[in-house]
Amino acid sequence: QIISTLLDHQQLHRFFNAKFTLLQAQDEGQIEGGKGAVRQVKIGKITFSEQIISADQNQISYQIVGDKPVANHRGDIYLSANKDINTLVTELNYCISCSAPWWMPNAL
């Protein structure tokens, strides 16, 4: 359910302060919104595209197409189920890497 929610590109504004538009559907045979999908992201006056490079029930990986606003950008979201005594909990790890422009501190 969480993967499906995160691959519903046009509804991602619920979680991120940006507008998302699906430009290209997933590759044939892939899960809905998965590998091959391209979405446009608008944050204020900045517009760029992201492509899903892999997706399954446990992970989503995407990258920015081109090198703006940052170069070598990659996002990886990993999900793992952790069952405690009374409830099923899903742990989400979201890792982002990129090469920042010269004017942006690398720590960001």
N, C-alpha and C. Protein backbone atom coordinates (compact mmCIF):
# COMPACT_ATOMS: atom_id res chain seq x y z
N GLN A 1 0.82 -1.19 0.00
CA GLN A 1 0.00 0.00 0.00
C GLN A 1 0.87 1.26 0.00
N ILE A 2 1.96 1.26 0.74
CA ILE A 2 2.84 2.42 0.81
C ILE A 2 3.53 2.65 -0.53
N ILE A 3 4.02 1.59 -1.16
CA ILE A 3 4.67 1.72 -2.47
C ILE A 3 3.68 2.30 -3.48
N SER A 4 2.46 1.79 -3.50
CA SER A 4 1.45 2.31 -4.43
C SER A 4 1.19 3.80 -4.19
N THR A 5 1.15 4.21 -2.95
CA THR A 5 0.94 5.61 -2.61
C THR A 5 2.10 6.47 -3.10
N LEU A 6 3.33 5.99 -2.91
CA LEU A 6 4.50 6.76 -3.33
C LEU A 6 4.71 6.75 -4.84
N LEU A 7 4.09 5.82 -5.55
CA LEU A 7 4.18 5.78 -7.01
C LEU A 7 2.97 6.44 -7.67
N ASP A 8 2.07 7.01 -6.88
CA ASP A 8 0.95 7.78 -7.41
C ASP A 8 1.46 9.21 -7.60
N HIS A 9 2.23 9.41 -8.67
CA HIS A 9 3.01 10.62 -8.88
C HIS A 9 2.19 11.90 -8.78
N GLN A 10 1.01 11.92 -9.33
CA GLN A 10 0.22 13.14 -9.37
C GLN A 10 -0.33 13.53 -8.00
N GLN A 11 -0.21 12.64 -7.02
CA GLN A 11 -0.69 12.93 -5.66
C GLN A 11 0.46 13.17 -4.67
N LEU A 12 1.69 13.20 -5.14
CA LEU A 12 2.83 13.36 -4.24
C LEU A 12 2.88 14.72 -3.56
N HIS A 13 2.14 15.69 -4.07
CA HIS A 13 2.09 17.00 -3.42
C HIS A 13 1.57 16.89 -1.98
N ARG A 14 0.91 15.80 -1.66
CA ARG A 14 0.43 15.59 -0.29
C ARG A 14 1.59 15.45 0.69
N PHE A 15 2.75 15.01 0.19
CA PHE A 15 3.90 14.74 1.07
C PHE A 15 5.06 15.71 0.85
N PHE A 16 5.11 16.31 -0.34
CA PHE A 16 6.22 17.18 -0.70
C PHE A 16 5.66 18.53 -1.16
N ASN A 17 6.36 19.59 -0.88
CA ASN A 17 5.93 20.93 -1.26
C ASN A 17 6.30 21.19 -2.72
N ALA A 18 5.64 20.47 -3.63
CA ALA A 18 5.90 20.57 -5.06
C ALA A 18 4.68 20.08 -5.82
N LYS A 19 4.64 20.40 -7.10
CA LYS A 19 3.59 19.91 -7.98
C LYS A 19 4.21 18.85 -8.89
N PHE A 20 3.54 17.71 -9.02
CA PHE A 20 4.05 16.60 -9.81
C PHE A 20 3.08 16.30 -10.96
N THR A 21 3.63 16.09 -12.16
CA THR A 21 2.84 15.74 -13.32
C THR A 21 3.48 14.53 -13.98
N LEU A 22 2.70 13.51 -14.27
CA LEU A 22 3.23 12.32 -14.94
C LEU A 22 3.41 12.63 -16.42
N LEU A 23 4.64 12.53 -16.92
CA LEU A 23 4.95 12.78 -18.33
C LEU A 23 4.97 11.51 -19.15
N GLN A 24 5.35 10.40 -18.51
CA GLN A 24 5.47 9.12 -19.22
C GLN A 24 5.12 8.00 -18.25
N ALA A 25 4.30 7.09 -18.71
CA ALA A 25 3.89 5.95 -17.86
C ALA A 25 5.05 4.97 -17.71
N GLN A 26 4.88 4.05 -16.81
CA GLN A 26 5.88 3.01 -16.55
C GLN A 26 6.08 2.12 -17.79
N ASP A 27 7.22 1.44 -17.83
CA ASP A 27 7.49 0.48 -18.89
C ASP A 27 6.48 -0.66 -18.83
N GLU A 28 6.25 -1.28 -19.97
CA GLU A 28 5.33 -2.40 -20.04
C GLU A 28 5.77 -3.52 -19.10
N GLY A 29 4.81 -4.06 -18.36
CA GLY A 29 5.09 -5.16 -17.44
C GLY A 29 5.56 -4.71 -16.07
N GLN A 30 5.72 -3.41 -15.84
CA GLN A 30 6.18 -2.89 -14.54
C GLN A 30 4.98 -2.52 -13.68
N ILE A 31 5.19 -2.40 -12.37
CA ILE A 31 4.11 -2.00 -11.49
C ILE A 31 3.68 -0.57 -11.81
N GLU A 32 2.43 -0.23 -11.51
CA GLU A 32 1.86 1.07 -11.80
C GLU A 32 2.73 2.19 -11.24
N GLY A 33 3.17 3.10 -12.12
CA GLY A 33 4.02 4.21 -11.72
C GLY A 33 5.48 3.85 -11.55
N GLY A 34 5.85 2.60 -11.86
CA GLY A 34 7.19 2.08 -11.60
C GLY A 34 8.22 2.38 -12.68
N LYS A 35 9.15 1.46 -12.85
CA LYS A 35 10.31 1.63 -13.72
C LYS A 35 9.90 2.20 -15.08
N GLY A 36 10.61 3.25 -15.48
CA GLY A 36 10.36 3.89 -16.76
C GLY A 36 9.47 5.11 -16.68
N ALA A 37 8.71 5.25 -15.59
CA ALA A 37 7.84 6.42 -15.44
C ALA A 37 8.69 7.67 -15.30
N VAL A 38 8.23 8.76 -15.92
CA VAL A 38 8.90 10.05 -15.82
C VAL A 38 7.88 11.05 -15.30
N ARG A 39 8.28 11.79 -14.27
CA ARG A 39 7.39 12.81 -13.71
C ARG A 39 8.09 14.16 -13.75
N GLN A 40 7.29 15.20 -13.96
CA GLN A 40 7.80 16.56 -13.90
C GLN A 40 7.54 17.09 -12.51
N VAL A 41 8.53 17.77 -11.96
CA VAL A 41 8.44 18.32 -10.62
C VAL A 41 8.59 19.84 -10.71
N LYS A 42 7.64 20.56 -10.11
CA LYS A 42 7.72 22.02 -10.05
C LYS A 42 7.76 22.44 -8.60
N ILE A 43 8.85 23.13 -8.25
CA ILE A 43 9.01 23.68 -6.91
C ILE A 43 9.25 25.17 -7.10
N GLY A 44 8.24 25.97 -6.85
CA GLY A 44 8.35 27.40 -7.11
C GLY A 44 8.59 27.63 -8.59
N LYS A 45 9.69 28.31 -8.93
CA LYS A 45 10.02 28.59 -10.32
C LYS A 45 10.93 27.53 -10.95
N ILE A 46 11.31 26.54 -10.18
CA ILE A 46 12.21 25.48 -10.66
C ILE A 46 11.38 24.31 -11.18
N THR A 47 11.70 23.84 -12.39
CA THR A 47 11.03 22.69 -12.99
C THR A 47 12.08 21.71 -13.46
N PHE A 48 11.89 20.43 -13.15
CA PHE A 48 12.80 19.40 -13.61
C PHE A 48 12.03 18.09 -13.71
N SER A 49 12.68 17.09 -14.30
CA SER A 49 12.05 15.77 -14.46
C SER A 49 12.81 14.72 -13.67
N GLU A 50 12.07 13.74 -13.17
CA GLU A 50 12.65 12.59 -12.48
C GLU A 50 12.16 11.32 -13.17
N GLN A 51 13.02 10.33 -13.26
CA GLN A 51 12.65 9.05 -13.86
C GLN A 51 12.80 7.94 -12.83
N ILE A 52 11.80 7.08 -12.75
CA ILE A 52 11.87 5.91 -11.87
C ILE A 52 12.77 4.89 -12.56
N ILE A 53 13.85 4.50 -11.88
CA ILE A 53 14.79 3.55 -12.49
C ILE A 53 14.58 2.12 -12.00
N SER A 54 13.89 1.97 -10.88
CA SER A 54 13.47 0.63 -10.44
C SER A 54 12.42 0.79 -9.36
N ALA A 55 11.53 -0.18 -9.28
CA ALA A 55 10.49 -0.16 -8.25
C ALA A 55 9.91 -1.56 -8.10
N ASP A 56 9.72 -1.96 -6.87
CA ASP A 56 9.00 -3.18 -6.55
C ASP A 56 8.34 -2.98 -5.20
N GLN A 57 7.83 -4.01 -4.59
CA GLN A 57 7.08 -3.86 -3.34
C GLN A 57 7.95 -3.47 -2.14
N ASN A 58 9.28 -3.47 -2.32
CA ASN A 58 10.18 -3.14 -1.21
C ASN A 58 11.02 -1.90 -1.41
N GLN A 59 11.04 -1.34 -2.63
CA GLN A 59 11.91 -0.20 -2.88
C GLN A 59 11.49 0.58 -4.11
N ILE A 60 11.89 1.85 -4.12
CA ILE A 60 11.74 2.73 -5.28
C ILE A 60 13.07 3.46 -5.44
N SER A 61 13.59 3.49 -6.67
CA SER A 61 14.78 4.28 -6.97
C SER A 61 14.45 5.20 -8.13
N TYR A 62 14.89 6.45 -8.02
CA TYR A 62 14.64 7.42 -9.09
C TYR A 62 15.86 8.32 -9.24
N GLN A 63 15.91 9.02 -10.38
CA GLN A 63 16.99 9.96 -10.61
C GLN A 63 16.45 11.18 -11.36
N ILE A 64 17.12 12.31 -11.16
CA ILE A 64 16.78 13.50 -11.92
C ILE A 64 17.32 13.31 -13.33
N VAL A 65 16.51 13.67 -14.32
CA VAL A 65 16.94 13.62 -15.71
C VAL A 65 17.71 14.91 -15.98
N GLY A 66 18.97 14.82 -16.35
CA GLY A 66 19.81 15.99 -16.55
C GLY A 66 20.57 16.33 -15.28
N ASP A 67 21.13 17.54 -15.25
CA ASP A 67 21.96 17.92 -14.10
C ASP A 67 21.48 19.18 -13.39
N LYS A 68 20.22 19.53 -13.56
CA LYS A 68 19.65 20.69 -12.88
C LYS A 68 18.41 20.26 -12.12
N PRO A 69 18.14 20.70 -10.94
CA PRO A 69 18.86 21.70 -10.19
C PRO A 69 20.12 21.19 -9.51
N VAL A 70 20.30 19.87 -9.43
CA VAL A 70 21.52 19.28 -8.89
C VAL A 70 21.96 18.16 -9.84
N ALA A 71 23.23 17.84 -9.83
CA ALA A 71 23.76 16.78 -10.69
C ALA A 71 23.83 15.46 -9.94
N ASN A 72 23.80 14.39 -10.69
CA ASN A 72 23.96 13.04 -10.13
C ASN A 72 22.99 12.75 -9.00
N HIS A 73 21.78 13.29 -9.10
CA HIS A 73 20.78 13.09 -8.07
C HIS A 73 20.17 11.69 -8.18
N ARG A 74 20.08 11.04 -7.05
CA ARG A 74 19.43 9.73 -6.98
C ARG A 74 18.72 9.64 -5.65
N GLY A 75 17.49 9.14 -5.70
CA GLY A 75 16.72 8.91 -4.49
C GLY A 75 16.39 7.44 -4.39
N ASP A 76 16.57 6.88 -3.21
CA ASP A 76 16.26 5.47 -2.96
C ASP A 76 15.39 5.40 -1.71
N ILE A 77 14.24 4.76 -1.86
CA ILE A 77 13.31 4.58 -0.76
C ILE A 77 13.20 3.08 -0.51
N TYR A 78 13.47 2.67 0.71
CA TYR A 78 13.42 1.26 1.08
C TYR A 78 12.36 1.05 2.15
N LEU A 79 11.57 0.00 2.00
CA LEU A 79 10.55 -0.34 2.98
C LEU A 79 10.85 -1.72 3.55
N SER A 80 10.65 -1.85 4.84
CA SER A 80 10.79 -3.17 5.46
C SER A 80 9.74 -3.31 6.55
N ALA A 81 9.15 -4.48 6.61
CA ALA A 81 8.12 -4.76 7.60
C ALA A 81 8.78 -5.19 8.90
N ASN A 82 8.34 -4.60 10.00
CA ASN A 82 8.82 -4.96 11.33
C ASN A 82 7.60 -5.29 12.17
N LYS A 83 7.44 -6.53 12.49
CA LYS A 83 6.28 -6.93 13.28
C LYS A 83 6.66 -6.99 14.75
N ASP A 84 6.01 -6.13 15.52
CA ASP A 84 6.21 -6.23 16.95
C ASP A 84 5.09 -7.12 17.52
N ILE A 85 4.96 -7.17 18.78
CA ILE A 85 4.02 -8.09 19.41
C ILE A 85 2.58 -7.82 19.01
N ASN A 86 2.19 -6.55 18.87
CA ASN A 86 0.78 -6.22 18.66
C ASN A 86 0.43 -5.65 17.29
N THR A 87 1.41 -5.25 16.53
CA THR A 87 1.07 -4.56 15.28
C THR A 87 2.15 -4.74 14.22
N LEU A 88 1.78 -4.57 12.99
CA LEU A 88 2.73 -4.60 11.88
C LEU A 88 3.13 -3.17 11.56
N VAL A 89 4.41 -2.89 11.58
CA VAL A 89 4.94 -1.55 11.34
C VAL A 89 5.84 -1.62 10.12
N THR A 90 5.73 -0.63 9.25
CA THR A 90 6.61 -0.56 8.10
C THR A 90 7.64 0.53 8.33
N GLU A 91 8.90 0.17 8.23
CA GLU A 91 9.98 1.13 8.36
C GLU A 91 10.33 1.64 6.97
N LEU A 92 10.46 2.97 6.83
CA LEU A 92 10.79 3.59 5.56
C LEU A 92 12.11 4.32 5.70
N ASN A 93 13.05 3.99 4.83
CA ASN A 93 14.34 4.69 4.77
C ASN A 93 14.43 5.39 3.43
N TYR A 94 14.66 6.70 3.45
CA TYR A 94 14.71 7.52 2.24
C TYR A 94 16.11 8.11 2.15
N CYS A 95 16.88 7.67 1.18
CA CYS A 95 18.26 8.12 1.00
C CYS A 95 18.36 8.92 -0.29
N ILE A 96 18.95 10.11 -0.21
CA ILE A 96 19.13 10.96 -1.38
C ILE A 96 20.61 11.29 -1.50
N SER A 97 21.13 11.18 -2.71
CA SER A 97 22.51 11.60 -2.96
C SER A 97 22.53 12.47 -4.21
N CYS A 98 23.47 13.42 -4.25
CA CYS A 98 23.60 14.30 -5.41
C CYS A 98 24.92 15.06 -5.31
N SER A 99 25.24 15.74 -6.39
CA SER A 99 26.37 16.68 -6.41
C SER A 99 25.75 18.07 -6.43
N ALA A 100 25.95 18.80 -5.37
CA ALA A 100 25.35 20.12 -5.23
C ALA A 100 26.12 21.14 -6.06
N PRO A 101 25.43 22.22 -6.49
CA PRO A 101 26.14 23.30 -7.18
C PRO A 101 27.15 23.96 -6.23
N TRP A 102 28.10 24.67 -6.78
CA TRP A 102 29.18 25.27 -5.99
C TRP A 102 28.68 26.18 -4.87
N TRP A 103 27.53 26.82 -5.07
CA TRP A 103 27.03 27.79 -4.11
C TRP A 103 26.22 27.17 -2.97
N MET A 104 25.92 25.87 -3.07
CA MET A 104 25.12 25.22 -2.03
C MET A 104 26.04 24.39 -1.13
N PRO A 105 25.94 24.57 0.18
CA PRO A 105 26.80 23.79 1.09
C PRO A 105 26.57 22.28 0.89
N ASN A 106 27.65 21.51 0.83
CA ASN A 106 27.54 20.07 0.63
C ASN A 106 26.74 19.35 1.71
N ALA A 107 26.72 19.93 2.92
CA ALA A 107 25.99 19.29 4.01
C ALA A 107 24.49 19.20 3.71
N LEU A 108 23.97 20.11 2.87
CA LEU A 108 22.57 20.08 2.52
C LEU A 108 22.30 18.96 1.55
